[in-house]
Amino acid sequence: MPRSEHERVPRSEHERVPGTKRADTGDERPPRTRSADLPAAEVAGVGLRMMTELTGKEAESVTLVEPSEDGWLVGVEMVEDRRIPSSGDTLAMYEIDLDLTGSLLSYRRVRRYKRGSGDLAEGSR
């Protein structure tokens, strides 16, 4: 059966994209597959709108759009509690799992923090 131009050809274990590392071993890992159904920019918009509808909160930004085996992983930063001044706002990071067509599979809050607190991972670089 011929492959369409959008269908991904599987890579062997030895073919890796430079710069991708496996978290558990530090070894390089194979790249994630991409969806031919939706471009990443559209997926970001879907994730942003979806989180606003689900939580009723204001979306601050999209921080992650990553293809996964069964769709997309989208990270969205939300304003959980607005304060005056805005430096007192409480923000939250949500991860959304979408299928290849952009339908919701799951979502979860992965972090809550005060605006301006900085990224904890940045300090370790």
C-alpha atoms as a PDB file:
ATOM      1  CA  MET A   1       0.000   0.000   0.000  1.00  0.00           C
ATOM      2  CA  PRO A   2       1.618   3.362  -0.985  1.00  0.00           C
ATOM      3  CA  ARG A   3       2.230   5.925   1.730  1.00  0.00           C
ATOM      4  CA  SER A   4       0.712   9.389   1.525  1.00  0.00           C
ATOM      5  CA  GLU A   5       3.067  12.343   1.599  1.00  0.00           C
ATOM      6  CA  HIS A   6       1.920  13.155   5.165  1.00  0.00           C
ATOM      7  CA  GLU A   7       2.322   9.673   6.612  1.00  0.00           C
ATOM      8  CA  ARG A   8       5.396   9.310   8.757  1.00  0.00           C
ATOM      9  CA  VAL A   9       7.907   6.643   7.814  1.00  0.00           C
ATOM     10  CA  PRO A  10       8.997   4.822  10.997  1.00  0.00           C
ATOM     11  CA  ARG A  11      12.599   5.363  12.021  1.00  0.00           C
ATOM     12  CA  SER A  12      14.853   2.594  13.193  1.00  0.00           C
ATOM     13  CA  GLU A  13      16.233   2.642  16.736  1.00  0.00           C
ATOM     14  CA  HIS A  14      19.562   3.833  15.301  1.00  0.00           C
ATOM     15  CA  GLU A  15      18.148   6.816  13.429  1.00  0.00           C
ATOM     16  CA  ARG A  16      17.687   9.651  15.888  1.00  0.00           C
ATOM     17  CA  VAL A  17      17.145  13.357  15.620  1.00  0.00           C
ATOM     18  CA  PRO A  18      20.245  15.109  16.984  1.00  0.00           C
ATOM     19  CA  GLY A  19      19.728  16.798  20.324  1.00  0.00           C
ATOM     20  CA  THR A  20      16.842  14.690  21.593  1.00  0.00           C
ATOM     21  CA  LYS A  21      17.710  12.995  24.876  1.00  0.00           C
ATOM     22  CA  ARG A  22      16.010  10.278  26.863  1.00  0.00           C
ATOM     23  CA  ALA A  23      15.240  11.523  30.357  1.00  0.00           C
ATOM     24  CA  ASP A  24      15.817   8.177  32.087  1.00  0.00           C
ATOM     25  CA  THR A  25      19.217   7.345  30.575  1.00  0.00           C
ATOM     26  CA  GLY A  26      20.471  10.551  28.971  1.00  0.00           C
ATOM     27  CA  ASP A  27      20.597   8.644  25.649  1.00  0.00           C
ATOM     28  CA  GLU A  28      19.128  10.153  22.547  1.00  0.00           C
ATOM     29  CA  ARG A  29      15.496   9.201  21.876  1.00  0.00           C
ATOM     30  CA  PRO A  30      13.537   8.799  18.675  1.00  0.00           C
ATOM     31  CA  PRO A  31      11.412  11.799  17.658  1.00  0.00           C
ATOM     32  CA  ARG A  32       7.707  11.881  18.385  1.00  0.00           C
ATOM     33  CA  THR A  33       5.335  11.445  15.487  1.00  0.00           C
ATOM     34  CA  ARG A  34       3.500  14.419  14.007  1.00  0.00           C
ATOM     35  CA  SER A  35      -0.119  14.684  13.025  1.00  0.00           C
ATOM     36  CA  ALA A  36      -0.943  15.362   9.400  1.00  0.00           C
ATOM     37  CA  ASP A  37      -4.462  16.387  10.451  1.00  0.00           C
ATOM     38  CA  LEU A  38      -3.712  19.624  12.329  1.00  0.00           C
ATOM     39  CA  PRO A  39      -0.699  21.953  12.188  1.00  0.00           C
ATOM     40  CA  ALA A  40       0.969  22.825  15.512  1.00  0.00           C
ATOM     41  CA  ALA A  41      -0.232  26.451  15.429  1.00  0.00           C
ATOM     42  CA  GLU A  42      -3.844  25.329  15.120  1.00  0.00           C
ATOM     43  CA  VAL A  43      -3.380  22.786  17.909  1.00  0.00           C
ATOM     44  CA  ALA A  44      -2.075  25.589  20.162  1.00  0.00           C
ATOM     45  CA  GLY A  45      -5.228  27.625  19.529  1.00  0.00           C
ATOM     46  CA  VAL A  46      -7.460  24.627  20.194  1.00  0.00           C
ATOM     47  CA  GLY A  47      -5.680  23.975  23.509  1.00  0.00           C
ATOM     48  CA  LEU A  48      -5.953  27.621  24.562  1.00  0.00           C
ATOM     49  CA  ARG A  49      -9.682  27.825  23.797  1.00  0.00           C
ATOM     50  CA  MET A  50     -10.364  24.454  25.386  1.00  0.00           C
ATOM     51  CA  MET A  51      -8.720  25.367  28.705  1.00  0.00           C
ATOM     52  CA  THR A  52     -10.607  28.658  28.840  1.00  0.00           C
ATOM     53  CA  GLU A  53     -13.901  26.790  28.312  1.00  0.00           C
ATOM     54  CA  LEU A  54     -13.072  23.995  30.775  1.00  0.00           C
ATOM     55  CA  THR A  55     -11.834  26.160  33.642  1.00  0.00           C
ATOM     56  CA  GLY A  56     -13.656  29.449  33.093  1.00  0.00           C
ATOM     57  CA  LYS A  57     -10.304  31.139  33.772  1.00  0.00           C
ATOM     58  CA  GLU A  58      -8.257  33.503  31.606  1.00  0.00           C
ATOM     59  CA  ALA A  59      -5.552  31.864  29.499  1.00  0.00           C
ATOM     60  CA  GLU A  60      -2.187  33.599  29.714  1.00  0.00           C
ATOM     61  CA  SER A  61      -0.196  31.743  27.033  1.00  0.00           C
ATOM     62  CA  VAL A  62       0.581  28.477  25.301  1.00  0.00           C
ATOM     63  CA  THR A  63       3.917  27.185  26.566  1.00  0.00           C
ATOM     64  CA  LEU A  64       4.145  23.801  24.866  1.00  0.00           C
ATOM     65  CA  VAL A  65       2.921  22.112  21.690  1.00  0.00           C
ATOM     66  CA  GLU A  66       4.439  18.676  21.277  1.00  0.00           C
ATOM     67  CA  PRO A  67       3.363  15.775  19.089  1.00  0.00           C
ATOM     68  CA  SER A  68       2.716  12.492  20.876  1.00  0.00           C
ATOM     69  CA  GLU A  69       2.069   8.963  19.668  1.00  0.00           C
ATOM     70  CA  ASP A  70      -1.705   9.391  19.720  1.00  0.00           C
ATOM     71  CA  GLY A  71      -2.060  13.140  19.116  1.00  0.00           C
ATOM     72  CA  TRP A  72      -0.695  16.255  20.787  1.00  0.00           C
ATOM     73  CA  LEU A  73       0.428  17.486  24.208  1.00  0.00           C
ATOM     74  CA  VAL A  74      -0.322  21.184  24.790  1.00  0.00           C
ATOM     75  CA  GLY A  75       0.829  23.262  27.770  1.00  0.00           C
ATOM     76  CA  VAL A  76      -1.258  26.295  28.717  1.00  0.00           C
ATOM     77  CA  GLU A  77      -0.555  28.865  31.433  1.00  0.00           C
ATOM     78  CA  MET A  78      -3.751  30.110  33.105  1.00  0.00           C
ATOM     79  CA  VAL A  79      -4.485  32.954  35.535  1.00  0.00           C
ATOM     80  CA  GLU A  80      -5.992  31.143  38.539  1.00  0.00           C
ATOM     81  CA  ASP A  81      -6.374  34.181  40.813  1.00  0.00           C
ATOM     82  CA  ARG A  82      -6.076  37.790  39.626  1.00  0.00           C
ATOM     83  CA  ARG A  83      -4.595  40.319  42.114  1.00  0.00           C
ATOM     84  CA  ILE A  84      -3.716  44.010  42.191  1.00  0.00           C
ATOM     85  CA  PRO A  85      -0.886  44.541  41.500  1.00  0.00           C
ATOM     86  CA  SER A  86      -0.626  41.798  38.881  1.00  0.00           C
ATOM     87  CA  SER A  87       2.659  40.596  40.383  1.00  0.00           C
ATOM     88  CA  GLY A  88       0.456  38.927  43.039  1.00  0.00           C
ATOM     89  CA  ASP A  89      -1.476  36.846  40.473  1.00  0.00           C
ATOM     90  CA  THR A  90      -1.556  33.099  40.943  1.00  0.00           C
ATOM     91  CA  LEU A  91      -0.850  31.243  37.716  1.00  0.00           C
ATOM     92  CA  ALA A  92      -1.173  27.568  36.868  1.00  0.00           C
ATOM     93  CA  MET A  93       0.320  25.360  34.193  1.00  0.00           C
ATOM     94  CA  TYR A  94      -2.024  22.831  32.585  1.00  0.00           C
ATOM     95  CA  GLU A  95      -1.185  20.012  30.200  1.00  0.00           C
ATOM     96  CA  ILE A  96      -3.799  18.926  27.695  1.00  0.00           C
ATOM     97  CA  ASP A  97      -3.747  15.671  25.738  1.00  0.00           C
ATOM     98  CA  LEU A  98      -5.502  15.971  22.367  1.00  0.00           C
ATOM     99  CA  ASP A  99      -6.049  13.278  19.767  1.00  0.00           C
ATOM    100  CA  LEU A 100      -4.980  13.703  16.142  1.00  0.00           C
ATOM    101  CA  THR A 101      -8.173  15.615  15.310  1.00  0.00           C
ATOM    102  CA  GLY A 102      -7.877  18.038  18.255  1.00  0.00           C
ATOM    103  CA  SER A 103     -10.444  16.366  20.513  1.00  0.00           C
ATOM    104  CA  LEU A 104      -9.773  16.319  24.248  1.00  0.00           C
ATOM    105  CA  LEU A 105      -8.418  13.100  25.727  1.00  0.00           C
ATOM    106  CA  SER A 106      -7.405  14.479  29.155  1.00  0.00           C
ATOM    107  CA  TYR A 107      -6.101  17.521  30.989  1.00  0.00           C
ATOM    108  CA  ARG A 108      -4.368  18.128  34.302  1.00  0.00           C
ATOM    109  CA  ARG A 109      -2.925  20.970  36.339  1.00  0.00           C
ATOM    110  CA  VAL A 110       0.766  20.292  36.758  1.00  0.00           C
ATOM    111  CA  ARG A 111       1.936  23.377  38.644  1.00  0.00           C
ATOM    112  CA  ARG A 112       0.651  26.422  40.532  1.00  0.00           C
ATOM    113  CA  TYR A 113       2.806  29.461  41.285  1.00  0.00           C
ATOM    114  CA  LYS A 114       2.907  33.228  41.798  1.00  0.00           C
ATOM    115  CA  ARG A 115       3.564  35.426  38.767  1.00  0.00           C
ATOM    116  CA  GLY A 116       7.211  36.441  38.578  1.00  0.00           C
ATOM    117  CA  SER A 117       8.418  33.546  40.736  1.00  0.00           C
ATOM    118  CA  GLY A 118      10.575  32.328  37.836  1.00  0.00           C
ATOM    119  CA  ASP A 119      11.000  28.910  36.381  1.00  0.00           C
ATOM    120  CA  LEU A 120      12.610  26.555  38.888  1.00  0.00           C
ATOM    121  CA  ALA A 121      14.256  24.617  36.057  1.00  0.00           C
ATOM    122  CA  GLU A 122      16.061  27.749  34.808  1.00  0.00           C
ATOM    123  CA  GLY A 123      18.186  27.994  37.934  1.00  0.00           C
ATOM    124  CA  SER A 124      19.697  24.563  37.361  1.00  0.00           C
ATOM    125  CA  ARG A 125      21.215  25.458  33.985  1.00  0.00           C
END
